[in-house]
Amino acid sequence: TIPAMRVLYQCIDFEPLRDPEFSQL
């Protein structure tokens, strides 16, 4: 699962929104 998610993450060129505080939203 983890290697597959890494490949998918790189393929779609996803940049998550950063949050210094952990926010569920």
PDBML (XML) file of the C-alpha atoms, coordinates in Angstrom:
<?xml version="1.0" encoding="UTF-8" ?>
<PDBx:datablock datablockName="MODEL"
   xmlns:PDBx="http://pdbml.pdb.org/schema/pdbx-v50.xsd"
   xmlns:xsi="http://www.w3.org/2001/XMLSchema-instance"
   xsi:schemaLocation="http://pdbml.pdb.org/schema/pdbx-v50.xsd pdbx-v50.xsd">
   <PDBx:atom_siteCategory>
      <PDBx:atom_site id="1">
         <PDBx:B_iso_or_equiv>0.00</PDBx:B_iso_or_equiv>
         <PDBx:Cartn_x>0.000</PDBx:Cartn_x>
         <PDBx:Cartn_y>0.000</PDBx:Cartn_y>
         <PDBx:Cartn_z>0.000</PDBx:Cartn_z>
         <PDBx:auth_asym_id>A</PDBx:auth_asym_id>
         <PDBx:auth_atom_id>CA</PDBx:auth_atom_id>
         <PDBx:auth_comp_id>THR</PDBx:auth_comp_id>
         <PDBx:auth_seq_id>1</PDBx:auth_seq_id>
         <PDBx:group_PDB>ATOM</PDBx:group_PDB>
         <PDBx:label_alt_id xsi:nil="true" />
         <PDBx:label_asym_id>A</PDBx:label_asym_id>
         <PDBx:label_atom_id>CA</PDBx:label_atom_id>
         <PDBx:label_comp_id>THR</PDBx:label_comp_id>
         <PDBx:label_entity_id>1</PDBx:label_entity_id>
         <PDBx:label_seq_id>1</PDBx:label_seq_id>
         <PDBx:occupancy>1.00</PDBx:occupancy>
         <PDBx:pdbx_PDB_model_num>1</PDBx:pdbx_PDB_model_num>
         <PDBx:type_symbol>C</PDBx:type_symbol>
      </PDBx:atom_site>
      <PDBx:atom_site id="2">
         <PDBx:B_iso_or_equiv>0.00</PDBx:B_iso_or_equiv>
         <PDBx:Cartn_x>2.622</PDBx:Cartn_x>
         <PDBx:Cartn_y>2.582</PDBx:Cartn_y>
         <PDBx:Cartn_z>0.971</PDBx:Cartn_z>
         <PDBx:auth_asym_id>A</PDBx:auth_asym_id>
         <PDBx:auth_atom_id>CA</PDBx:auth_atom_id>
         <PDBx:auth_comp_id>ILE</PDBx:auth_comp_id>
         <PDBx:auth_seq_id>2</PDBx:auth_seq_id>
         <PDBx:group_PDB>ATOM</PDBx:group_PDB>
         <PDBx:label_alt_id xsi:nil="true" />
         <PDBx:label_asym_id>A</PDBx:label_asym_id>
         <PDBx:label_atom_id>CA</PDBx:label_atom_id>
         <PDBx:label_comp_id>ILE</PDBx:label_comp_id>
         <PDBx:label_entity_id>1</PDBx:label_entity_id>
         <PDBx:label_seq_id>2</PDBx:label_seq_id>
         <PDBx:occupancy>1.00</PDBx:occupancy>
         <PDBx:pdbx_PDB_model_num>1</PDBx:pdbx_PDB_model_num>
         <PDBx:type_symbol>C</PDBx:type_symbol>
      </PDBx:atom_site>
      <PDBx:atom_site id="3">
         <PDBx:B_iso_or_equiv>0.00</PDBx:B_iso_or_equiv>
         <PDBx:Cartn_x>4.777</PDBx:Cartn_x>
         <PDBx:Cartn_y>2.194</PDBx:Cartn_y>
         <PDBx:Cartn_z>-2.170</PDBx:Cartn_z>
         <PDBx:auth_asym_id>A</PDBx:auth_asym_id>
         <PDBx:auth_atom_id>CA</PDBx:auth_atom_id>
         <PDBx:auth_comp_id>PRO</PDBx:auth_comp_id>
         <PDBx:auth_seq_id>3</PDBx:auth_seq_id>
         <PDBx:group_PDB>ATOM</PDBx:group_PDB>
         <PDBx:label_alt_id xsi:nil="true" />
         <PDBx:label_asym_id>A</PDBx:label_asym_id>
         <PDBx:label_atom_id>CA</PDBx:label_atom_id>
         <PDBx:label_comp_id>PRO</PDBx:label_comp_id>
         <PDBx:label_entity_id>1</PDBx:label_entity_id>
         <PDBx:label_seq_id>3</PDBx:label_seq_id>
         <PDBx:occupancy>1.00</PDBx:occupancy>
         <PDBx:pdbx_PDB_model_num>1</PDBx:pdbx_PDB_model_num>
         <PDBx:type_symbol>C</PDBx:type_symbol>
      </PDBx:atom_site>
      <PDBx:atom_site id="4">
         <PDBx:B_iso_or_equiv>0.00</PDBx:B_iso_or_equiv>
         <PDBx:Cartn_x>1.647</PDBx:Cartn_x>
         <PDBx:Cartn_y>2.296</PDBx:Cartn_y>
         <PDBx:Cartn_z>-4.340</PDBx:Cartn_z>
         <PDBx:auth_asym_id>A</PDBx:auth_asym_id>
         <PDBx:auth_atom_id>CA</PDBx:auth_atom_id>
         <PDBx:auth_comp_id>ALA</PDBx:auth_comp_id>
         <PDBx:auth_seq_id>4</PDBx:auth_seq_id>
         <PDBx:group_PDB>ATOM</PDBx:group_PDB>
         <PDBx:label_alt_id xsi:nil="true" />
         <PDBx:label_asym_id>A</PDBx:label_asym_id>
         <PDBx:label_atom_id>CA</PDBx:label_atom_id>
         <PDBx:label_comp_id>ALA</PDBx:label_comp_id>
         <PDBx:label_entity_id>1</PDBx:label_entity_id>
         <PDBx:label_seq_id>4</PDBx:label_seq_id>
         <PDBx:occupancy>1.00</PDBx:occupancy>
         <PDBx:pdbx_PDB_model_num>1</PDBx:pdbx_PDB_model_num>
         <PDBx:type_symbol>C</PDBx:type_symbol>
      </PDBx:atom_site>
      <PDBx:atom_site id="5">
         <PDBx:B_iso_or_equiv>0.00</PDBx:B_iso_or_equiv>
         <PDBx:Cartn_x>0.445</PDBx:Cartn_x>
         <PDBx:Cartn_y>5.448</PDBx:Cartn_y>
         <PDBx:Cartn_z>-2.606</PDBx:Cartn_z>
         <PDBx:auth_asym_id>A</PDBx:auth_asym_id>
         <PDBx:auth_atom_id>CA</PDBx:auth_atom_id>
         <PDBx:auth_comp_id>MET</PDBx:auth_comp_id>
         <PDBx:auth_seq_id>5</PDBx:auth_seq_id>
         <PDBx:group_PDB>ATOM</PDBx:group_PDB>
         <PDBx:label_alt_id xsi:nil="true" />
         <PDBx:label_asym_id>A</PDBx:label_asym_id>
         <PDBx:label_atom_id>CA</PDBx:label_atom_id>
         <PDBx:label_comp_id>MET</PDBx:label_comp_id>
         <PDBx:label_entity_id>1</PDBx:label_entity_id>
         <PDBx:label_seq_id>5</PDBx:label_seq_id>
         <PDBx:occupancy>1.00</PDBx:occupancy>
         <PDBx:pdbx_PDB_model_num>1</PDBx:pdbx_PDB_model_num>
         <PDBx:type_symbol>C</PDBx:type_symbol>
      </PDBx:atom_site>
      <PDBx:atom_site id="6">
         <PDBx:B_iso_or_equiv>0.00</PDBx:B_iso_or_equiv>
         <PDBx:Cartn_x>3.869</PDBx:Cartn_x>
         <PDBx:Cartn_y>7.068</PDBx:Cartn_y>
         <PDBx:Cartn_z>-3.138</PDBx:Cartn_z>
         <PDBx:auth_asym_id>A</PDBx:auth_asym_id>
         <PDBx:auth_atom_id>CA</PDBx:auth_atom_id>
         <PDBx:auth_comp_id>ARG</PDBx:auth_comp_id>
         <PDBx:auth_seq_id>6</PDBx:auth_seq_id>
         <PDBx:group_PDB>ATOM</PDBx:group_PDB>
         <PDBx:label_alt_id xsi:nil="true" />
         <PDBx:label_asym_id>A</PDBx:label_asym_id>
         <PDBx:label_atom_id>CA</PDBx:label_atom_id>
         <PDBx:label_comp_id>ARG</PDBx:label_comp_id>
         <PDBx:label_entity_id>1</PDBx:label_entity_id>
         <PDBx:label_seq_id>6</PDBx:label_seq_id>
         <PDBx:occupancy>1.00</PDBx:occupancy>
         <PDBx:pdbx_PDB_model_num>1</PDBx:pdbx_PDB_model_num>
         <PDBx:type_symbol>C</PDBx:type_symbol>
      </PDBx:atom_site>
      <PDBx:atom_site id="7">
         <PDBx:B_iso_or_equiv>0.00</PDBx:B_iso_or_equiv>
         <PDBx:Cartn_x>3.730</PDBx:Cartn_x>
         <PDBx:Cartn_y>6.303</PDBx:Cartn_y>
         <PDBx:Cartn_z>-6.846</PDBx:Cartn_z>
         <PDBx:auth_asym_id>A</PDBx:auth_asym_id>
         <PDBx:auth_atom_id>CA</PDBx:auth_atom_id>
         <PDBx:auth_comp_id>VAL</PDBx:auth_comp_id>
         <PDBx:auth_seq_id>7</PDBx:auth_seq_id>
         <PDBx:group_PDB>ATOM</PDBx:group_PDB>
         <PDBx:label_alt_id xsi:nil="true" />
         <PDBx:label_asym_id>A</PDBx:label_asym_id>
         <PDBx:label_atom_id>CA</PDBx:label_atom_id>
         <PDBx:label_comp_id>VAL</PDBx:label_comp_id>
         <PDBx:label_entity_id>1</PDBx:label_entity_id>
         <PDBx:label_seq_id>7</PDBx:label_seq_id>
         <PDBx:occupancy>1.00</PDBx:occupancy>
         <PDBx:pdbx_PDB_model_num>1</PDBx:pdbx_PDB_model_num>
         <PDBx:type_symbol>C</PDBx:type_symbol>
      </PDBx:atom_site>
      <PDBx:atom_site id="8">
         <PDBx:B_iso_or_equiv>0.00</PDBx:B_iso_or_equiv>
         <PDBx:Cartn_x>0.179</PDBx:Cartn_x>
         <PDBx:Cartn_y>7.649</PDBx:Cartn_y>
         <PDBx:Cartn_z>-7.087</PDBx:Cartn_z>
         <PDBx:auth_asym_id>A</PDBx:auth_asym_id>
         <PDBx:auth_atom_id>CA</PDBx:auth_atom_id>
         <PDBx:auth_comp_id>LEU</PDBx:auth_comp_id>
         <PDBx:auth_seq_id>8</PDBx:auth_seq_id>
         <PDBx:group_PDB>ATOM</PDBx:group_PDB>
         <PDBx:label_alt_id xsi:nil="true" />
         <PDBx:label_asym_id>A</PDBx:label_asym_id>
         <PDBx:label_atom_id>CA</PDBx:label_atom_id>
         <PDBx:label_comp_id>LEU</PDBx:label_comp_id>
         <PDBx:label_entity_id>1</PDBx:label_entity_id>
         <PDBx:label_seq_id>8</PDBx:label_seq_id>
         <PDBx:occupancy>1.00</PDBx:occupancy>
         <PDBx:pdbx_PDB_model_num>1</PDBx:pdbx_PDB_model_num>
         <PDBx:type_symbol>C</PDBx:type_symbol>
      </PDBx:atom_site>
      <PDBx:atom_site id="9">
         <PDBx:B_iso_or_equiv>0.00</PDBx:B_iso_or_equiv>
         <PDBx:Cartn_x>1.135</PDBx:Cartn_x>
         <PDBx:Cartn_y>10.743</PDBx:Cartn_y>
         <PDBx:Cartn_z>-5.081</PDBx:Cartn_z>
         <PDBx:auth_asym_id>A</PDBx:auth_asym_id>
         <PDBx:auth_atom_id>CA</PDBx:auth_atom_id>
         <PDBx:auth_comp_id>TYR</PDBx:auth_comp_id>
         <PDBx:auth_seq_id>9</PDBx:auth_seq_id>
         <PDBx:group_PDB>ATOM</PDBx:group_PDB>
         <PDBx:label_alt_id xsi:nil="true" />
         <PDBx:label_asym_id>A</PDBx:label_asym_id>
         <PDBx:label_atom_id>CA</PDBx:label_atom_id>
         <PDBx:label_comp_id>TYR</PDBx:label_comp_id>
         <PDBx:label_entity_id>1</PDBx:label_entity_id>
         <PDBx:label_seq_id>9</PDBx:label_seq_id>
         <PDBx:occupancy>1.00</PDBx:occupancy>
         <PDBx:pdbx_PDB_model_num>1</PDBx:pdbx_PDB_model_num>
         <PDBx:type_symbol>C</PDBx:type_symbol>
      </PDBx:atom_site>
      <PDBx:atom_site id="10">
         <PDBx:B_iso_or_equiv>0.00</PDBx:B_iso_or_equiv>
         <PDBx:Cartn_x>4.036</PDBx:Cartn_x>
         <PDBx:Cartn_y>11.491</PDBx:Cartn_y>
         <PDBx:Cartn_z>-7.425</PDBx:Cartn_z>
         <PDBx:auth_asym_id>A</PDBx:auth_asym_id>
         <PDBx:auth_atom_id>CA</PDBx:auth_atom_id>
         <PDBx:auth_comp_id>GLN</PDBx:auth_comp_id>
         <PDBx:auth_seq_id>10</PDBx:auth_seq_id>
         <PDBx:group_PDB>ATOM</PDBx:group_PDB>
         <PDBx:label_alt_id xsi:nil="true" />
         <PDBx:label_asym_id>A</PDBx:label_asym_id>
         <PDBx:label_atom_id>CA</PDBx:label_atom_id>
         <PDBx:label_comp_id>GLN</PDBx:label_comp_id>
         <PDBx:label_entity_id>1</PDBx:label_entity_id>
         <PDBx:label_seq_id>10</PDBx:label_seq_id>
         <PDBx:occupancy>1.00</PDBx:occupancy>
         <PDBx:pdbx_PDB_model_num>1</PDBx:pdbx_PDB_model_num>
         <PDBx:type_symbol>C</PDBx:type_symbol>
      </PDBx:atom_site>
      <PDBx:atom_site id="11">
         <PDBx:B_iso_or_equiv>0.00</PDBx:B_iso_or_equiv>
         <PDBx:Cartn_x>2.061</PDBx:Cartn_x>
         <PDBx:Cartn_y>10.697</PDBx:Cartn_y>
         <PDBx:Cartn_z>-10.561</PDBx:Cartn_z>
         <PDBx:auth_asym_id>A</PDBx:auth_asym_id>
         <PDBx:auth_atom_id>CA</PDBx:auth_atom_id>
         <PDBx:auth_comp_id>CYS</PDBx:auth_comp_id>
         <PDBx:auth_seq_id>11</PDBx:auth_seq_id>
         <PDBx:group_PDB>ATOM</PDBx:group_PDB>
         <PDBx:label_alt_id xsi:nil="true" />
         <PDBx:label_asym_id>A</PDBx:label_asym_id>
         <PDBx:label_atom_id>CA</PDBx:label_atom_id>
         <PDBx:label_comp_id>CYS</PDBx:label_comp_id>
         <PDBx:label_entity_id>1</PDBx:label_entity_id>
         <PDBx:label_seq_id>11</PDBx:label_seq_id>
         <PDBx:occupancy>1.00</PDBx:occupancy>
         <PDBx:pdbx_PDB_model_num>1</PDBx:pdbx_PDB_model_num>
         <PDBx:type_symbol>C</PDBx:type_symbol>
      </PDBx:atom_site>
      <PDBx:atom_site id="12">
         <PDBx:B_iso_or_equiv>0.00</PDBx:B_iso_or_equiv>
         <PDBx:Cartn_x>-0.776</PDBx:Cartn_x>
         <PDBx:Cartn_y>13.102</PDBx:Cartn_y>
         <PDBx:Cartn_z>-9.813</PDBx:Cartn_z>
         <PDBx:auth_asym_id>A</PDBx:auth_asym_id>
         <PDBx:auth_atom_id>CA</PDBx:auth_atom_id>
         <PDBx:auth_comp_id>ILE</PDBx:auth_comp_id>
         <PDBx:auth_seq_id>12</PDBx:auth_seq_id>
         <PDBx:group_PDB>ATOM</PDBx:group_PDB>
         <PDBx:label_alt_id xsi:nil="true" />
         <PDBx:label_asym_id>A</PDBx:label_asym_id>
         <PDBx:label_atom_id>CA</PDBx:label_atom_id>
         <PDBx:label_comp_id>ILE</PDBx:label_comp_id>
         <PDBx:label_entity_id>1</PDBx:label_entity_id>
         <PDBx:label_seq_id>12</PDBx:label_seq_id>
         <PDBx:occupancy>1.00</PDBx:occupancy>
         <PDBx:pdbx_PDB_model_num>1</PDBx:pdbx_PDB_model_num>
         <PDBx:type_symbol>C</PDBx:type_symbol>
      </PDBx:atom_site>
      <PDBx:atom_site id="13">
         <PDBx:B_iso_or_equiv>0.00</PDBx:B_iso_or_equiv>
         <PDBx:Cartn_x>1.729</PDBx:Cartn_x>
         <PDBx:Cartn_y>15.713</PDBx:Cartn_y>
         <PDBx:Cartn_z>-8.605</PDBx:Cartn_z>
         <PDBx:auth_asym_id>A</PDBx:auth_asym_id>
         <PDBx:auth_atom_id>CA</PDBx:auth_atom_id>
         <PDBx:auth_comp_id>ASP</PDBx:auth_comp_id>
         <PDBx:auth_seq_id>13</PDBx:auth_seq_id>
         <PDBx:group_PDB>ATOM</PDBx:group_PDB>
         <PDBx:label_alt_id xsi:nil="true" />
         <PDBx:label_asym_id>A</PDBx:label_asym_id>
         <PDBx:label_atom_id>CA</PDBx:label_atom_id>
         <PDBx:label_comp_id>ASP</PDBx:label_comp_id>
         <PDBx:label_entity_id>1</PDBx:label_entity_id>
         <PDBx:label_seq_id>13</PDBx:label_seq_id>
         <PDBx:occupancy>1.00</PDBx:occupancy>
         <PDBx:pdbx_PDB_model_num>1</PDBx:pdbx_PDB_model_num>
         <PDBx:type_symbol>C</PDBx:type_symbol>
      </PDBx:atom_site>
      <PDBx:atom_site id="14">
         <PDBx:B_iso_or_equiv>0.00</PDBx:B_iso_or_equiv>
         <PDBx:Cartn_x>-0.231</PDBx:Cartn_x>
         <PDBx:Cartn_y>16.377</PDBx:Cartn_y>
         <PDBx:Cartn_z>-5.430</PDBx:Cartn_z>
         <PDBx:auth_asym_id>A</PDBx:auth_asym_id>
         <PDBx:auth_atom_id>CA</PDBx:auth_atom_id>
         <PDBx:auth_comp_id>PHE</PDBx:auth_comp_id>
         <PDBx:auth_seq_id>14</PDBx:auth_seq_id>
         <PDBx:group_PDB>ATOM</PDBx:group_PDB>
         <PDBx:label_alt_id xsi:nil="true" />
         <PDBx:label_asym_id>A</PDBx:label_asym_id>
         <PDBx:label_atom_id>CA</PDBx:label_atom_id>
         <PDBx:label_comp_id>PHE</PDBx:label_comp_id>
         <PDBx:label_entity_id>1</PDBx:label_entity_id>
         <PDBx:label_seq_id>14</PDBx:label_seq_id>
         <PDBx:occupancy>1.00</PDBx:occupancy>
         <PDBx:pdbx_PDB_model_num>1</PDBx:pdbx_PDB_model_num>
         <PDBx:type_symbol>C</PDBx:type_symbol>
      </PDBx:atom_site>
      <PDBx:atom_site id="15">
         <PDBx:B_iso_or_equiv>0.00</PDBx:B_iso_or_equiv>
         <PDBx:Cartn_x>0.848</PDBx:Cartn_x>
         <PDBx:Cartn_y>19.133</PDBx:Cartn_y>
         <PDBx:Cartn_z>-3.074</PDBx:Cartn_z>
         <PDBx:auth_asym_id>A</PDBx:auth_asym_id>
         <PDBx:auth_atom_id>CA</PDBx:auth_atom_id>
         <PDBx:auth_comp_id>GLU</PDBx:auth_comp_id>
         <PDBx:auth_seq_id>15</PDBx:auth_seq_id>
         <PDBx:group_PDB>ATOM</PDBx:group_PDB>
         <PDBx:label_alt_id xsi:nil="true" />
         <PDBx:label_asym_id>A</PDBx:label_asym_id>
         <PDBx:label_atom_id>CA</PDBx:label_atom_id>
         <PDBx:label_comp_id>GLU</PDBx:label_comp_id>
         <PDBx:label_entity_id>1</PDBx:label_entity_id>
         <PDBx:label_seq_id>15</PDBx:label_seq_id>
         <PDBx:occupancy>1.00</PDBx:occupancy>
         <PDBx:pdbx_PDB_model_num>1</PDBx:pdbx_PDB_model_num>
         <PDBx:type_symbol>C</PDBx:type_symbol>
      </PDBx:atom_site>
      <PDBx:atom_site id="16">
         <PDBx:B_iso_or_equiv>0.00</PDBx:B_iso_or_equiv>
         <PDBx:Cartn_x>-1.160</PDBx:Cartn_x>
         <PDBx:Cartn_y>18.995</PDBx:Cartn_y>
         <PDBx:Cartn_z>0.170</PDBx:Cartn_z>
         <PDBx:auth_asym_id>A</PDBx:auth_asym_id>
         <PDBx:auth_atom_id>CA</PDBx:auth_atom_id>
         <PDBx:auth_comp_id>PRO</PDBx:auth_comp_id>
         <PDBx:auth_seq_id>16</PDBx:auth_seq_id>
         <PDBx:group_PDB>ATOM</PDBx:group_PDB>
         <PDBx:label_alt_id xsi:nil="true" />
         <PDBx:label_asym_id>A</PDBx:label_asym_id>
         <PDBx:label_atom_id>CA</PDBx:label_atom_id>
         <PDBx:label_comp_id>PRO</PDBx:label_comp_id>
         <PDBx:label_entity_id>1</PDBx:label_entity_id>
         <PDBx:label_seq_id>16</PDBx:label_seq_id>
         <PDBx:occupancy>1.00</PDBx:occupancy>
         <PDBx:pdbx_PDB_model_num>1</PDBx:pdbx_PDB_model_num>
         <PDBx:type_symbol>C</PDBx:type_symbol>
      </PDBx:atom_site>
      <PDBx:atom_site id="17">
         <PDBx:B_iso_or_equiv>0.00</PDBx:B_iso_or_equiv>
         <PDBx:Cartn_x>-2.156</PDBx:Cartn_x>
         <PDBx:Cartn_y>22.105</PDBx:Cartn_y>
         <PDBx:Cartn_z>2.048</PDBx:Cartn_z>
         <PDBx:auth_asym_id>A</PDBx:auth_asym_id>
         <PDBx:auth_atom_id>CA</PDBx:auth_atom_id>
         <PDBx:auth_comp_id>LEU</PDBx:auth_comp_id>
         <PDBx:auth_seq_id>17</PDBx:auth_seq_id>
         <PDBx:group_PDB>ATOM</PDBx:group_PDB>
         <PDBx:label_alt_id xsi:nil="true" />
         <PDBx:label_asym_id>A</PDBx:label_asym_id>
         <PDBx:label_atom_id>CA</PDBx:label_atom_id>
         <PDBx:label_comp_id>LEU</PDBx:label_comp_id>
         <PDBx:label_entity_id>1</PDBx:label_entity_id>
         <PDBx:label_seq_id>17</PDBx:label_seq_id>
         <PDBx:occupancy>1.00</PDBx:occupancy>
         <PDBx:pdbx_PDB_model_num>1</PDBx:pdbx_PDB_model_num>
         <PDBx:type_symbol>C</PDBx:type_symbol>
      </PDBx:atom_site>
      <PDBx:atom_site id="18">
         <PDBx:B_iso_or_equiv>0.00</PDBx:B_iso_or_equiv>
         <PDBx:Cartn_x>0.246</PDBx:Cartn_x>
         <PDBx:Cartn_y>22.511</PDBx:Cartn_y>
         <PDBx:Cartn_z>4.953</PDBx:Cartn_z>
         <PDBx:auth_asym_id>A</PDBx:auth_asym_id>
         <PDBx:auth_atom_id>CA</PDBx:auth_atom_id>
         <PDBx:auth_comp_id>ARG</PDBx:auth_comp_id>
         <PDBx:auth_seq_id>18</PDBx:auth_seq_id>
         <PDBx:group_PDB>ATOM</PDBx:group_PDB>
         <PDBx:label_alt_id xsi:nil="true" />
         <PDBx:label_asym_id>A</PDBx:label_asym_id>
         <PDBx:label_atom_id>CA</PDBx:label_atom_id>
         <PDBx:label_comp_id>ARG</PDBx:label_comp_id>
         <PDBx:label_entity_id>1</PDBx:label_entity_id>
         <PDBx:label_seq_id>18</PDBx:label_seq_id>
         <PDBx:occupancy>1.00</PDBx:occupancy>
         <PDBx:pdbx_PDB_model_num>1</PDBx:pdbx_PDB_model_num>
         <PDBx:type_symbol>C</PDBx:type_symbol>
      </PDBx:atom_site>
      <PDBx:atom_site id="19">
         <PDBx:B_iso_or_equiv>0.00</PDBx:B_iso_or_equiv>
         <PDBx:Cartn_x>-1.085</PDBx:Cartn_x>
         <PDBx:Cartn_y>23.087</PDBx:Cartn_y>
         <PDBx:Cartn_z>8.426</PDBx:Cartn_z>
         <PDBx:auth_asym_id>A</PDBx:auth_asym_id>
         <PDBx:auth_atom_id>CA</PDBx:auth_atom_id>
         <PDBx:auth_comp_id>ASP</PDBx:auth_comp_id>
         <PDBx:auth_seq_id>19</PDBx:auth_seq_id>
         <PDBx:group_PDB>ATOM</PDBx:group_PDB>
         <PDBx:label_alt_id xsi:nil="true" />
         <PDBx:label_asym_id>A</PDBx:label_asym_id>
         <PDBx:label_atom_id>CA</PDBx:label_atom_id>
         <PDBx:label_comp_id>ASP</PDBx:label_comp_id>
         <PDBx:label_entity_id>1</PDBx:label_entity_id>
         <PDBx:label_seq_id>19</PDBx:label_seq_id>
         <PDBx:occupancy>1.00</PDBx:occupancy>
         <PDBx:pdbx_PDB_model_num>1</PDBx:pdbx_PDB_model_num>
         <PDBx:type_symbol>C</PDBx:type_symbol>
      </PDBx:atom_site>
      <PDBx:atom_site id="20">
         <PDBx:B_iso_or_equiv>0.00</PDBx:B_iso_or_equiv>
         <PDBx:Cartn_x>1.208</PDBx:Cartn_x>
         <PDBx:Cartn_y>23.733</PDBx:Cartn_y>
         <PDBx:Cartn_z>11.405</PDBx:Cartn_z>
         <PDBx:auth_asym_id>A</PDBx:auth_asym_id>
         <PDBx:auth_atom_id>CA</PDBx:auth_atom_id>
         <PDBx:auth_comp_id>PRO</PDBx:auth_comp_id>
         <PDBx:auth_seq_id>20</PDBx:auth_seq_id>
         <PDBx:group_PDB>ATOM</PDBx:group_PDB>
         <PDBx:label_alt_id xsi:nil="true" />
         <PDBx:label_asym_id>A</PDBx:label_asym_id>
         <PDBx:label_atom_id>CA</PDBx:label_atom_id>
         <PDBx:label_comp_id>PRO</PDBx:label_comp_id>
         <PDBx:label_entity_id>1</PDBx:label_entity_id>
         <PDBx:label_seq_id>20</PDBx:label_seq_id>
         <PDBx:occupancy>1.00</PDBx:occupancy>
         <PDBx:pdbx_PDB_model_num>1</PDBx:pdbx_PDB_model_num>
         <PDBx:type_symbol>C</PDBx:type_symbol>
      </PDBx:atom_site>
      <PDBx:atom_site id="21">
         <PDBx:B_iso_or_equiv>0.00</PDBx:B_iso_or_equiv>
         <PDBx:Cartn_x>-1.610</PDBx:Cartn_x>
         <PDBx:Cartn_y>22.653</PDBx:Cartn_y>
         <PDBx:Cartn_z>13.699</PDBx:Cartn_z>
         <PDBx:auth_asym_id>A</PDBx:auth_asym_id>
         <PDBx:auth_atom_id>CA</PDBx:auth_atom_id>
         <PDBx:auth_comp_id>GLU</PDBx:auth_comp_id>
         <PDBx:auth_seq_id>21</PDBx:auth_seq_id>
         <PDBx:group_PDB>ATOM</PDBx:group_PDB>
         <PDBx:label_alt_id xsi:nil="true" />
         <PDBx:label_asym_id>A</PDBx:label_asym_id>
         <PDBx:label_atom_id>CA</PDBx:label_atom_id>
         <PDBx:label_comp_id>GLU</PDBx:label_comp_id>
         <PDBx:label_entity_id>1</PDBx:label_entity_id>
         <PDBx:label_seq_id>21</PDBx:label_seq_id>
         <PDBx:occupancy>1.00</PDBx:occupancy>
         <PDBx:pdbx_PDB_model_num>1</PDBx:pdbx_PDB_model_num>
         <PDBx:type_symbol>C</PDBx:type_symbol>
      </PDBx:atom_site>
      <PDBx:atom_site id="22">
         <PDBx:B_iso_or_equiv>0.00</PDBx:B_iso_or_equiv>
         <PDBx:Cartn_x>-3.285</PDBx:Cartn_x>
         <PDBx:Cartn_y>19.359</PDBx:Cartn_y>
         <PDBx:Cartn_z>12.975</PDBx:Cartn_z>
         <PDBx:auth_asym_id>A</PDBx:auth_asym_id>
         <PDBx:auth_atom_id>CA</PDBx:auth_atom_id>
         <PDBx:auth_comp_id>PHE</PDBx:auth_comp_id>
         <PDBx:auth_seq_id>22</PDBx:auth_seq_id>
         <PDBx:group_PDB>ATOM</PDBx:group_PDB>
         <PDBx:label_alt_id xsi:nil="true" />
         <PDBx:label_asym_id>A</PDBx:label_asym_id>
         <PDBx:label_atom_id>CA</PDBx:label_atom_id>
         <PDBx:label_comp_id>PHE</PDBx:label_comp_id>
         <PDBx:label_entity_id>1</PDBx:label_entity_id>
         <PDBx:label_seq_id>22</PDBx:label_seq_id>
         <PDBx:occupancy>1.00</PDBx:occupancy>
         <PDBx:pdbx_PDB_model_num>1</PDBx:pdbx_PDB_model_num>
         <PDBx:type_symbol>C</PDBx:type_symbol>
      </PDBx:atom_site>
      <PDBx:atom_site id="23">
         <PDBx:B_iso_or_equiv>0.00</PDBx:B_iso_or_equiv>
         <PDBx:Cartn_x>-6.715</PDBx:Cartn_x>
         <PDBx:Cartn_y>20.182</PDBx:Cartn_y>
         <PDBx:Cartn_z>11.624</PDBx:Cartn_z>
         <PDBx:auth_asym_id>A</PDBx:auth_asym_id>
         <PDBx:auth_atom_id>CA</PDBx:auth_atom_id>
         <PDBx:auth_comp_id>SER</PDBx:auth_comp_id>
         <PDBx:auth_seq_id>23</PDBx:auth_seq_id>
         <PDBx:group_PDB>ATOM</PDBx:group_PDB>
         <PDBx:label_alt_id xsi:nil="true" />
         <PDBx:label_asym_id>A</PDBx:label_asym_id>
         <PDBx:label_atom_id>CA</PDBx:label_atom_id>
         <PDBx:label_comp_id>SER</PDBx:label_comp_id>
         <PDBx:label_entity_id>1</PDBx:label_entity_id>
         <PDBx:label_seq_id>23</PDBx:label_seq_id>
         <PDBx:occupancy>1.00</PDBx:occupancy>
         <PDBx:pdbx_PDB_model_num>1</PDBx:pdbx_PDB_model_num>
         <PDBx:type_symbol>C</PDBx:type_symbol>
      </PDBx:atom_site>
      <PDBx:atom_site id="24">
         <PDBx:B_iso_or_equiv>0.00</PDBx:B_iso_or_equiv>
         <PDBx:Cartn_x>-9.227</PDBx:Cartn_x>
         <PDBx:Cartn_y>17.496</PDBx:Cartn_y>
         <PDBx:Cartn_z>10.744</PDBx:Cartn_z>
         <PDBx:auth_asym_id>A</PDBx:auth_asym_id>
         <PDBx:auth_atom_id>CA</PDBx:auth_atom_id>
         <PDBx:auth_comp_id>GLN</PDBx:auth_comp_id>
         <PDBx:auth_seq_id>24</PDBx:auth_seq_id>
         <PDBx:group_PDB>ATOM</PDBx:group_PDB>
         <PDBx:label_alt_id xsi:nil="true" />
         <PDBx:label_asym_id>A</PDBx:label_asym_id>
         <PDBx:label_atom_id>CA</PDBx:label_atom_id>
         <PDBx:label_comp_id>GLN</PDBx:label_comp_id>
         <PDBx:label_entity_id>1</PDBx:label_entity_id>
         <PDBx:label_seq_id>24</PDBx:label_seq_id>
         <PDBx:occupancy>1.00</PDBx:occupancy>
         <PDBx:pdbx_PDB_model_num>1</PDBx:pdbx_PDB_model_num>
         <PDBx:type_symbol>C</PDBx:type_symbol>
      </PDBx:atom_site>
      <PDBx:atom_site id="25">
         <PDBx:B_iso_or_equiv>0.00</PDBx:B_iso_or_equiv>
         <PDBx:Cartn_x>-10.926</PDBx:Cartn_x>
         <PDBx:Cartn_y>19.827</PDBx:Cartn_y>
         <PDBx:Cartn_z>8.267</PDBx:Cartn_z>
         <PDBx:auth_asym_id>A</PDBx:auth_asym_id>
         <PDBx:auth_atom_id>CA</PDBx:auth_atom_id>
         <PDBx:auth_comp_id>LEU</PDBx:auth_comp_id>
         <PDBx:auth_seq_id>25</PDBx:auth_seq_id>
         <PDBx:group_PDB>ATOM</PDBx:group_PDB>
         <PDBx:label_alt_id xsi:nil="true" />
         <PDBx:label_asym_id>A</PDBx:label_asym_id>
         <PDBx:label_atom_id>CA</PDBx:label_atom_id>
         <PDBx:label_comp_id>LEU</PDBx:label_comp_id>
         <PDBx:label_entity_id>1</PDBx:label_entity_id>
         <PDBx:label_seq_id>25</PDBx:label_seq_id>
         <PDBx:occupancy>1.00</PDBx:occupancy>
         <PDBx:pdbx_PDB_model_num>1</PDBx:pdbx_PDB_model_num>
         <PDBx:type_symbol>C</PDBx:type_symbol>
      </PDBx:atom_site>
   </PDBx:atom_siteCategory>
</PDBx:datablock>
